[in-house]
Amino acid sequence: MKNHIQEGRMITVAAPAGGVNSGDGVVVGALFGVASKTAAAGETVTIATTGVFDLPKLASAVIAAGDPVAWDDTAKQVNVPGTGRYPIGVAIEAAGNGATIVRVRLDGVATAAA
């Protein structure tokens, strides 16, 4: 197809206010992804919008394998879906109370805070 641009798994965006570190979750408008490198605010950074990633999690959140998860952009961590959080995908492993990391399959779908 002569109008095909890219697969869309990796998207280049401007880093948001405060910048990002490699591996950080990033919300830019309706996009959520994981930063491929460290970048200052406004610099270009490529984010992965699909794939499986270990992401920081609210320690008290209890998440089962297969549960939908959401990104808390204020706290910069995964939590259960709720008000002000961006749905991002599904946990592929359980992460109970006390766990600070959860393995997530990003769904690559446009998101908005609930």
C-alpha atoms as a PDB file:
ATOM      1  CA  MET A   1       0.000   0.000   0.000  1.00  0.00           C
ATOM      2  CA  LYS A   2       1.503   3.291  -0.996  1.00  0.00           C
ATOM      3  CA  ASN A   3      -0.254   5.118   1.871  1.00  0.00           C
ATOM      4  CA  HIS A   4       1.094   2.823   4.661  1.00  0.00           C
ATOM      5  CA  ILE A   5       3.349   4.742   7.057  1.00  0.00           C
ATOM      6  CA  GLN A   6       4.314   2.283   9.816  1.00  0.00           C
ATOM      7  CA  GLU A   7       3.025  -0.599  11.929  1.00  0.00           C
ATOM      8  CA  GLY A   8       2.329   1.681  14.888  1.00  0.00           C
ATOM      9  CA  ARG A   9       3.965  -0.408  17.598  1.00  0.00           C
ATOM     10  CA  MET A  10       6.485   2.386  18.131  1.00  0.00           C
ATOM     11  CA  ILE A  11       5.394   6.036  17.867  1.00  0.00           C
ATOM     12  CA  THR A  12       7.620   9.111  18.060  1.00  0.00           C
ATOM     13  CA  VAL A  13       6.199  11.886  20.257  1.00  0.00           C
ATOM     14  CA  ALA A  14       7.404  14.929  22.168  1.00  0.00           C
ATOM     15  CA  ALA A  15       8.292  14.035  25.760  1.00  0.00           C
ATOM     16  CA  PRO A  16       5.749  15.511  28.195  1.00  0.00           C
ATOM     17  CA  ALA A  17       6.437  18.116  30.885  1.00  0.00           C
ATOM     18  CA  GLY A  18       9.084  16.869  33.290  1.00  0.00           C
ATOM     19  CA  GLY A  19      10.630  14.618  30.628  1.00  0.00           C
ATOM     20  CA  VAL A  20      10.844  10.840  30.723  1.00  0.00           C
ATOM     21  CA  ASN A  21      13.329   8.112  31.565  1.00  0.00           C
ATOM     22  CA  SER A  22      13.822   4.976  29.535  1.00  0.00           C
ATOM     23  CA  GLY A  23      11.121   2.493  30.556  1.00  0.00           C
ATOM     24  CA  ASP A  24       8.730   5.120  31.960  1.00  0.00           C
ATOM     25  CA  GLY A  25       5.039   5.028  31.164  1.00  0.00           C
ATOM     26  CA  VAL A  26       4.097   8.028  29.038  1.00  0.00           C
ATOM     27  CA  VAL A  27       0.718   9.622  28.336  1.00  0.00           C
ATOM     28  CA  VAL A  28       0.561  11.999  25.370  1.00  0.00           C
ATOM     29  CA  GLY A  29      -3.014  12.963  24.579  1.00  0.00           C
ATOM     30  CA  ALA A  30      -4.842   9.670  23.977  1.00  0.00           C
ATOM     31  CA  LEU A  31      -1.609   7.670  23.530  1.00  0.00           C
ATOM     32  CA  PHE A  32      -0.018   5.529  26.217  1.00  0.00           C
ATOM     33  CA  GLY A  33       3.338   3.913  25.723  1.00  0.00           C
ATOM     34  CA  VAL A  34       6.643   3.031  27.321  1.00  0.00           C
ATOM     35  CA  ALA A  35       9.582   5.333  26.623  1.00  0.00           C
ATOM     36  CA  SER A  36      12.466   3.803  24.688  1.00  0.00           C
ATOM     37  CA  LYS A  37      15.011   6.340  25.974  1.00  0.00           C
ATOM     38  CA  THR A  38      15.472   9.197  28.405  1.00  0.00           C
ATOM     39  CA  ALA A  39      14.328  12.542  27.004  1.00  0.00           C
ATOM     40  CA  ALA A  40      13.814  16.042  28.361  1.00  0.00           C
ATOM     41  CA  ALA A  41      10.422  17.736  28.016  1.00  0.00           C
ATOM     42  CA  GLY A  42       9.729  18.575  24.384  1.00  0.00           C
ATOM     43  CA  GLU A  43      12.476  16.341  22.979  1.00  0.00           C
ATOM     44  CA  THR A  44      11.409  13.529  20.688  1.00  0.00           C
ATOM     45  CA  VAL A  45      11.089  10.088  22.219  1.00  0.00           C
ATOM     46  CA  THR A  46       9.829   6.849  20.760  1.00  0.00           C
ATOM     47  CA  ILE A  47       7.225   5.035  22.838  1.00  0.00           C
ATOM     48  CA  ALA A  48       6.128   1.419  22.521  1.00  0.00           C
ATOM     49  CA  THR A  49       2.332   1.277  22.345  1.00  0.00           C
ATOM     50  CA  THR A  50       2.042  -2.524  22.322  1.00  0.00           C
ATOM     51  CA  GLY A  51       4.012  -5.358  23.865  1.00  0.00           C
ATOM     52  CA  VAL A  52       4.582  -6.745  27.352  1.00  0.00           C
ATOM     53  CA  PHE A  53       6.329  -4.645  29.979  1.00  0.00           C
ATOM     54  CA  ASP A  54       7.078  -4.736  33.701  1.00  0.00           C
ATOM     55  CA  LEU A  55       5.665  -1.472  35.052  1.00  0.00           C
ATOM     56  CA  PRO A  56       5.596   0.102  38.510  1.00  0.00           C
ATOM     57  CA  LYS A  57       2.430  -0.681  40.488  1.00  0.00           C
ATOM     58  CA  LEU A  58       0.710   0.813  43.517  1.00  0.00           C
ATOM     59  CA  ALA A  59       1.940  -1.534  46.255  1.00  0.00           C
ATOM     60  CA  SER A  60      -1.502  -1.935  47.845  1.00  0.00           C
ATOM     61  CA  ALA A  61      -3.314  -2.717  44.557  1.00  0.00           C
ATOM     62  CA  VAL A  62      -4.308  -6.365  44.134  1.00  0.00           C
ATOM     63  CA  ILE A  63      -4.235  -7.397  40.480  1.00  0.00           C
ATOM     64  CA  ALA A  64      -4.950 -10.901  39.170  1.00  0.00           C
ATOM     65  CA  ALA A  65      -3.667 -12.338  35.900  1.00  0.00           C
ATOM     66  CA  GLY A  66      -6.084 -11.248  33.191  1.00  0.00           C
ATOM     67  CA  ASP A  67      -7.339  -8.178  35.056  1.00  0.00           C
ATOM     68  CA  PRO A  68      -7.597  -4.900  33.151  1.00  0.00           C
ATOM     69  CA  VAL A  69      -5.155  -2.294  34.439  1.00  0.00           C
ATOM     70  CA  ALA A  70      -4.921   1.476  34.251  1.00  0.00           C
ATOM     71  CA  TRP A  71      -2.164   4.078  34.423  1.00  0.00           C
ATOM     72  CA  ASP A  72      -2.217   6.710  37.170  1.00  0.00           C
ATOM     73  CA  ASP A  73      -0.366   9.512  35.397  1.00  0.00           C
ATOM     74  CA  THR A  74      -0.035  11.575  38.575  1.00  0.00           C
ATOM     75  CA  ALA A  75       1.625   8.785  40.579  1.00  0.00           C
ATOM     76  CA  LYS A  76       3.296   7.323  37.435  1.00  0.00           C
ATOM     77  CA  GLN A  77       2.222   3.765  38.225  1.00  0.00           C
ATOM     78  CA  VAL A  78      -0.264   1.048  37.322  1.00  0.00           C
ATOM     79  CA  ASN A  79      -3.386   0.626  39.410  1.00  0.00           C
ATOM     80  CA  VAL A  80      -6.805  -0.955  39.039  1.00  0.00           C
ATOM     81  CA  PRO A  81      -9.166   0.984  36.736  1.00  0.00           C
ATOM     82  CA  GLY A  82     -10.757   4.005  38.394  1.00  0.00           C
ATOM     83  CA  THR A  83     -11.502   7.692  38.175  1.00  0.00           C
ATOM     84  CA  GLY A  84      -8.681   9.721  36.635  1.00  0.00           C
ATOM     85  CA  ARG A  85      -6.767   6.640  35.422  1.00  0.00           C
ATOM     86  CA  TYR A  86      -5.997   5.681  31.825  1.00  0.00           C
ATOM     87  CA  PRO A  87      -6.879   2.109  30.755  1.00  0.00           C
ATOM     88  CA  ILE A  88      -3.712   0.652  29.169  1.00  0.00           C
ATOM     89  CA  GLY A  89      -4.028  -3.121  28.931  1.00  0.00           C
ATOM     90  CA  VAL A  90      -4.171  -6.374  30.871  1.00  0.00           C
ATOM     91  CA  ALA A  91      -2.005  -7.889  33.607  1.00  0.00           C
ATOM     92  CA  ILE A  92      -0.501 -11.161  32.394  1.00  0.00           C
ATOM     93  CA  GLU A  93       0.664 -12.224  35.854  1.00  0.00           C
ATOM     94  CA  ALA A  94      -0.818 -11.697  39.289  1.00  0.00           C
ATOM     95  CA  ALA A  95       0.663  -8.898  41.401  1.00  0.00           C
ATOM     96  CA  GLY A  96      -0.748  -8.823  44.917  1.00  0.00           C
ATOM     97  CA  ASN A  97      -0.558  -6.535  47.910  1.00  0.00           C
ATOM     98  CA  GLY A  98       3.059  -5.503  48.488  1.00  0.00           C
ATOM     99  CA  ALA A  99       4.196  -6.087  44.903  1.00  0.00           C
ATOM    100  CA  THR A 100       5.566  -2.930  43.292  1.00  0.00           C
ATOM    101  CA  ILE A 101       5.829  -4.264  39.720  1.00  0.00           C
ATOM    102  CA  VAL A 102       3.179  -5.767  37.441  1.00  0.00           C
ATOM    103  CA  ARG A 103       3.666  -7.413  34.033  1.00  0.00           C
ATOM    104  CA  VAL A 104       1.288  -5.764  31.547  1.00  0.00           C
ATOM    105  CA  ARG A 105       0.346  -6.426  27.925  1.00  0.00           C
ATOM    106  CA  LEU A 106      -0.318  -2.994  26.435  1.00  0.00           C
ATOM    107  CA  ASP A 107      -3.355  -3.014  24.190  1.00  0.00           C
ATOM    108  CA  GLY A 108      -2.286  -0.096  21.978  1.00  0.00           C
ATOM    109  CA  VAL A 109      -5.783   1.389  21.979  1.00  0.00           C
ATOM    110  CA  ALA A 110      -6.445   5.118  22.366  1.00  0.00           C
ATOM    111  CA  THR A 111      -7.062   5.910  26.025  1.00  0.00           C
ATOM    112  CA  ALA A 112      -8.612   8.619  28.163  1.00  0.00           C
ATOM    113  CA  ALA A 113      -8.772   9.125  31.900  1.00  0.00           C
ATOM    114  CA  ALA A 114     -11.900   7.554  33.387  1.00  0.00           C
END
